[in-house]
Amino acid sequence: MRLKKETLRALIARRGRELGKSMTAIAREAGLSRTYLYGLAGGAAQDPSVRTLVKLAKAIEVSPLLLFRYYADLGGAPATGAPVAPTNRATGVRDPEDVAVFNADVTTPDHAVVLPGEVFQKVWEIQNLGVRLWSGRRLVRVDGEYVMARRVPHKAELEIVLDAYLSSLHREIAIPDTQPGQPVRLCVDFAAPRESCTVASIWRIEDSEGRPCYGPSFILHVVVTVMAR
């Protein structure tokens, strides 16, 4: 969508000013040609892969998740207006007194390098800052809803442009009952693909009836680079 692409151009320009980096410098650090970066920012270039967005995020020093959302099917997010901005705090979609906050990536931070085929554990810490007991909730993998894809001319469906797939031991895990004010750590075991690439996995919190507890701006993710040492 043009509005999202134009907003991406403004983001890159603003971060360039803040960091004292020219478009040429940003392109060089991201491993892109200057022409491609201008085309990407202006909406004229082919939609990028996850690997390209991760490199660009590193060059302009923002979370890869921020750039992912410019090219993601947000599964129910508004189709118009400004793109959803990442946040570490969220209010329940059905209960304004249900508040969650993301505290930390306890293990495997963004851009962590893992070996081909390596098994590793991702641990996120979140905290119940509302007044409701969290009970019966689950952390569910939703890569299919926040998919990296490009529009294909003359076709209604999206074409997935993920580089490779990050396997997980489970597609959902139970969240322990969590009292107001209490933090909780959520652990998922992953296995990296065997080829060198950058991969991502996206997860959200759902209630006992399978409904998202929070809006699309509050999700948990893991982004790793697979590289042989």
Protein backbone atom coordinates (compact mmCIF):
# COMPACT_ATOMS: atom_id res chain seq x y z
CA MET A 1 0.00 0.00 0.00
CA ARG A 2 1.36 3.39 -0.96
CA LEU A 3 0.70 4.99 2.42
CA LYS A 4 2.84 2.41 4.18
CA LYS A 5 5.68 2.75 1.66
CA GLU A 6 5.65 6.57 1.88
CA THR A 7 5.75 6.27 5.69
CA LEU A 8 8.71 3.91 5.37
CA ARG A 9 10.56 6.55 3.33
CA ALA A 10 9.90 9.11 6.09
CA LEU A 11 11.16 6.67 8.72
CA ILE A 12 14.42 5.98 6.88
CA ALA A 13 14.97 9.69 6.28
CA ARG A 14 14.31 10.55 9.94
CA ARG A 15 16.63 7.83 11.26
CA GLY A 16 19.29 8.95 8.80
CA ARG A 17 19.12 12.49 10.18
CA GLU A 18 19.17 11.27 13.78
CA LEU A 19 22.16 8.99 13.18
CA GLY A 20 24.00 11.36 10.86
CA LYS A 21 23.90 8.80 8.05
CA SER A 22 23.28 9.57 4.39
CA MET A 23 21.12 7.30 2.23
CA THR A 24 24.33 6.10 0.62
CA ALA A 25 25.77 5.12 4.00
CA ILE A 26 22.56 3.37 5.04
CA ALA A 27 22.47 1.45 1.76
CA ARG A 28 26.11 0.40 2.16
CA GLU A 29 25.59 -0.84 5.76
CA ALA A 30 22.46 -2.73 4.72
CA GLY A 31 24.25 -4.35 1.77
CA LEU A 32 21.90 -2.70 -0.73
CA SER A 33 22.44 -0.50 -3.74
CA ARG A 34 21.47 3.13 -3.28
CA THR A 35 19.00 2.80 -6.17
CA TYR A 36 17.31 -0.21 -4.58
CA LEU A 37 17.05 1.55 -1.19
CA TYR A 38 15.39 4.57 -2.79
CA GLY A 39 13.04 2.30 -4.68
CA LEU A 40 12.21 0.33 -1.55
CA ALA A 41 11.56 3.49 0.47
CA GLY A 42 9.42 4.96 -2.28
CA GLY A 43 7.40 1.85 -3.05
CA ALA A 44 8.88 1.25 -6.51
CA ALA A 45 11.14 -1.71 -5.66
CA GLN A 46 10.14 -5.34 -5.33
CA ASP A 47 8.99 -6.20 -1.82
CA PRO A 48 12.01 -7.32 0.23
CA SER A 49 12.86 -10.57 1.94
CA VAL A 50 13.13 -10.93 5.71
CA ARG A 51 16.93 -10.93 5.35
CA THR A 52 16.89 -7.55 3.58
CA LEU A 53 14.64 -5.97 6.21
CA VAL A 54 16.78 -7.27 9.06
CA LYS A 55 19.90 -5.75 7.49
CA LEU A 56 18.12 -2.44 6.89
CA ALA A 57 16.80 -2.39 10.48
CA LYS A 58 20.33 -2.88 11.77
CA ALA A 59 21.63 -0.05 9.58
CA ILE A 60 19.05 2.45 10.85
CA GLU A 61 19.12 1.00 14.39
CA VAL A 62 15.47 0.06 14.82
CA SER A 63 13.79 -3.22 15.69
CA PRO A 64 13.31 -5.51 12.66
CA LEU A 65 9.72 -5.90 13.82
CA LEU A 66 9.07 -2.25 12.98
CA LEU A 67 10.05 -2.84 9.35
CA PHE A 68 8.29 -6.21 9.18
CA ARG A 69 4.99 -4.45 9.77
CA TYR A 70 5.33 -2.37 6.63
CA TYR A 71 5.10 -5.57 4.60
CA ALA A 72 3.01 -7.85 6.81
CA ASP A 73 -0.55 -9.02 6.46
CA LEU A 74 -1.63 -7.95 9.93
CA GLY A 75 -4.63 -10.24 10.07
CA GLY A 76 -7.37 -7.83 11.05
CA ALA A 77 -5.33 -4.65 11.42
CA PRO A 78 -6.78 -1.55 9.71
CA ALA A 79 -6.03 -1.49 5.98
CA THR A 80 -5.62 2.28 5.95
CA GLY A 81 -3.96 4.84 8.14
CA ALA A 82 -0.54 4.87 9.74
CA PRO A 83 1.23 1.52 10.18
CA VAL A 84 1.08 -0.16 13.55
CA ALA A 85 4.05 0.87 15.68
CA PRO A 86 5.71 -1.66 17.97
CA THR A 87 5.18 -1.17 21.67
CA ASN A 88 6.20 -2.88 24.89
CA ARG A 89 2.84 -2.16 26.55
CA ALA A 90 -0.68 -3.18 25.54
CA THR A 91 -4.25 -2.91 26.78
CA GLY A 92 -6.71 -5.77 26.27
CA VAL A 93 -8.88 -5.57 23.17
CA ARG A 94 -11.97 -6.45 25.23
CA ASP A 95 -10.92 -5.29 28.70
CA PRO A 96 -9.15 -1.96 29.28
CA GLU A 97 -8.09 -3.15 32.74
CA ASP A 98 -6.14 -6.05 31.22
CA VAL A 99 -2.63 -4.62 30.71
CA ALA A 100 0.52 -6.44 29.59
CA VAL A 101 4.07 -5.17 29.26
CA PHE A 102 7.07 -6.73 27.54
CA ASN A 103 10.04 -6.65 29.92
CA ALA A 104 12.93 -8.32 28.12
CA ASP A 105 14.36 -10.81 25.67
CA VAL A 106 15.94 -13.01 28.35
CA THR A 107 17.74 -15.17 25.79
CA THR A 108 18.45 -14.98 22.04
CA PRO A 109 18.20 -11.24 21.36
CA ASP A 110 17.50 -9.87 17.87
CA HIS A 111 20.32 -10.56 15.40
CA ALA A 112 21.70 -13.43 17.48
CA VAL A 113 23.87 -15.70 15.33
CA VAL A 114 23.16 -19.44 15.48
CA LEU A 115 24.69 -22.38 13.66
CA PRO A 116 22.90 -24.21 10.82
CA GLY A 117 20.58 -26.77 12.41
CA GLU A 118 21.27 -25.48 15.93
CA VAL A 119 18.62 -26.02 18.59
CA PHE A 120 18.15 -23.05 20.89
CA GLN A 121 15.66 -21.67 23.39
CA LYS A 122 13.96 -18.29 23.24
CA VAL A 123 12.77 -16.82 26.54
CA TRP A 124 10.58 -13.71 26.72
CA GLU A 125 9.57 -12.01 29.98
CA ILE A 126 6.24 -10.23 30.12
CA GLN A 127 4.37 -8.81 33.11
CA ASN A 128 0.74 -8.49 34.14
CA LEU A 129 0.28 -4.79 34.94
CA GLY A 130 -3.51 -4.88 34.94
CA VAL A 131 -5.98 -5.82 37.67
CA ARG A 132 -7.14 -9.13 36.14
CA LEU A 133 -5.75 -12.58 36.78
CA TRP A 134 -4.36 -14.15 33.63
CA SER A 135 -5.80 -17.64 33.49
CA GLY A 136 -6.11 -20.17 30.67
CA ARG A 137 -3.99 -18.13 28.27
CA ARG A 138 -1.67 -19.49 25.62
CA LEU A 139 1.20 -18.18 23.53
CA VAL A 140 0.45 -19.15 19.92
CA ARG A 141 2.63 -19.07 16.80
CA VAL A 142 1.02 -16.85 14.15
CA ASP A 143 3.63 -16.59 11.38
CA GLY A 144 0.88 -17.35 8.88
CA GLU A 145 -1.07 -14.23 9.87
CA TYR A 146 1.92 -11.89 10.03
CA VAL A 147 3.43 -13.32 6.88
CA MET A 148 6.13 -11.61 4.85
CA ALA A 149 4.72 -11.55 1.34
CA ARG A 150 4.49 -9.62 -1.90
CA ARG A 151 1.48 -8.77 -4.03
CA VAL A 152 1.39 -10.79 -7.25
CA PRO A 153 -0.06 -8.98 -10.30
CA HIS A 154 -3.46 -10.31 -11.37
CA LYS A 155 -3.70 -12.60 -8.34
CA ALA A 156 -5.70 -12.15 -5.17
CA GLU A 157 -3.37 -14.16 -2.93
CA LEU A 158 -0.01 -13.08 -1.51
CA GLU A 159 3.26 -14.78 -2.47
CA ILE A 160 5.38 -15.61 0.58
CA VAL A 161 8.95 -14.30 0.49
CA LEU A 162 10.36 -15.82 3.67
CA ASP A 163 13.92 -17.01 3.15
CA ALA A 164 13.57 -20.19 5.20
CA TYR A 165 11.58 -21.64 8.06
CA LEU A 166 12.42 -21.57 11.77
CA SER A 167 11.09 -24.79 13.32
CA SER A 168 9.61 -24.81 16.82
CA LEU A 169 9.01 -27.78 19.10
CA HIS A 170 5.47 -26.53 19.75
CA ARG A 171 3.14 -24.14 17.94
CA GLU A 172 1.58 -23.03 21.21
CA ILE A 173 2.45 -23.14 24.91
CA ALA A 174 0.39 -22.63 28.04
CA ILE A 175 0.95 -19.40 29.99
CA PRO A 176 0.95 -20.08 33.74
CA ASP A 177 -1.73 -18.33 35.79
CA THR A 178 -0.29 -14.86 36.43
CA GLN A 179 -1.45 -12.52 39.19
CA PRO A 180 -1.65 -8.71 38.72
CA GLY A 181 1.85 -7.26 39.05
CA GLN A 182 3.52 -10.62 38.49
CA PRO A 183 6.10 -11.22 35.71
CA VAL A 184 6.17 -14.49 33.79
CA ARG A 185 8.78 -16.02 31.50
CA LEU A 186 7.69 -17.82 28.35
CA CYS A 187 10.04 -20.35 26.73
CA VAL A 188 9.95 -21.84 23.24
CA ASP A 189 12.48 -24.28 21.75
CA PHE A 190 13.51 -23.66 18.14
CA ALA A 191 15.66 -25.38 15.53
CA ALA A 192 17.43 -23.27 12.90
CA PRO A 193 17.34 -24.25 9.22
CA ARG A 194 20.50 -25.78 7.78
CA GLU A 195 21.22 -23.05 5.23
CA SER A 196 22.67 -19.60 5.94
CA CYS A 197 19.81 -17.12 6.16
CA THR A 198 17.89 -14.77 8.45
CA VAL A 199 14.65 -16.16 9.87
CA ALA A 200 11.86 -14.90 12.12
CA SER A 201 8.97 -16.32 14.12
CA ILE A 202 6.02 -14.36 15.51
CA TRP A 203 3.78 -15.24 18.47
CA ARG A 204 0.75 -13.70 20.17
CA ILE A 205 -1.17 -14.18 23.40
CA GLU A 206 -4.65 -15.72 23.15
CA ASP A 207 -7.33 -16.38 25.75
CA SER A 208 -8.92 -19.73 26.61
CA GLU A 209 -11.34 -19.32 23.68
CA GLY A 210 -8.56 -18.73 21.14
CA ARG A 211 -9.15 -14.98 20.80
CA PRO A 212 -6.22 -12.51 20.70
CA CYS A 213 -5.88 -10.77 24.06
CA TYR A 214 -4.16 -7.69 22.62
CA GLY A 215 -3.98 -5.83 19.33
CA PRO A 216 -1.50 -6.52 16.50
CA SER A 217 1.04 -4.06 17.93
CA PHE A 218 1.79 -6.40 20.87
CA ILE A 219 3.42 -9.62 19.70
CA LEU A 220 6.49 -11.60 20.72
CA HIS A 221 9.11 -12.47 18.12
CA VAL A 222 12.48 -14.05 17.54
CA VAL A 223 14.88 -13.04 14.72
CA VAL A 224 18.15 -14.93 14.22
CA THR A 225 20.84 -15.11 11.58
CA VAL A 226 21.98 -18.62 10.65
CA MET A 227 25.66 -18.65 9.80
CA ALA A 228 28.35 -21.30 9.81
CA ARG A 229 31.38 -20.30 11.89
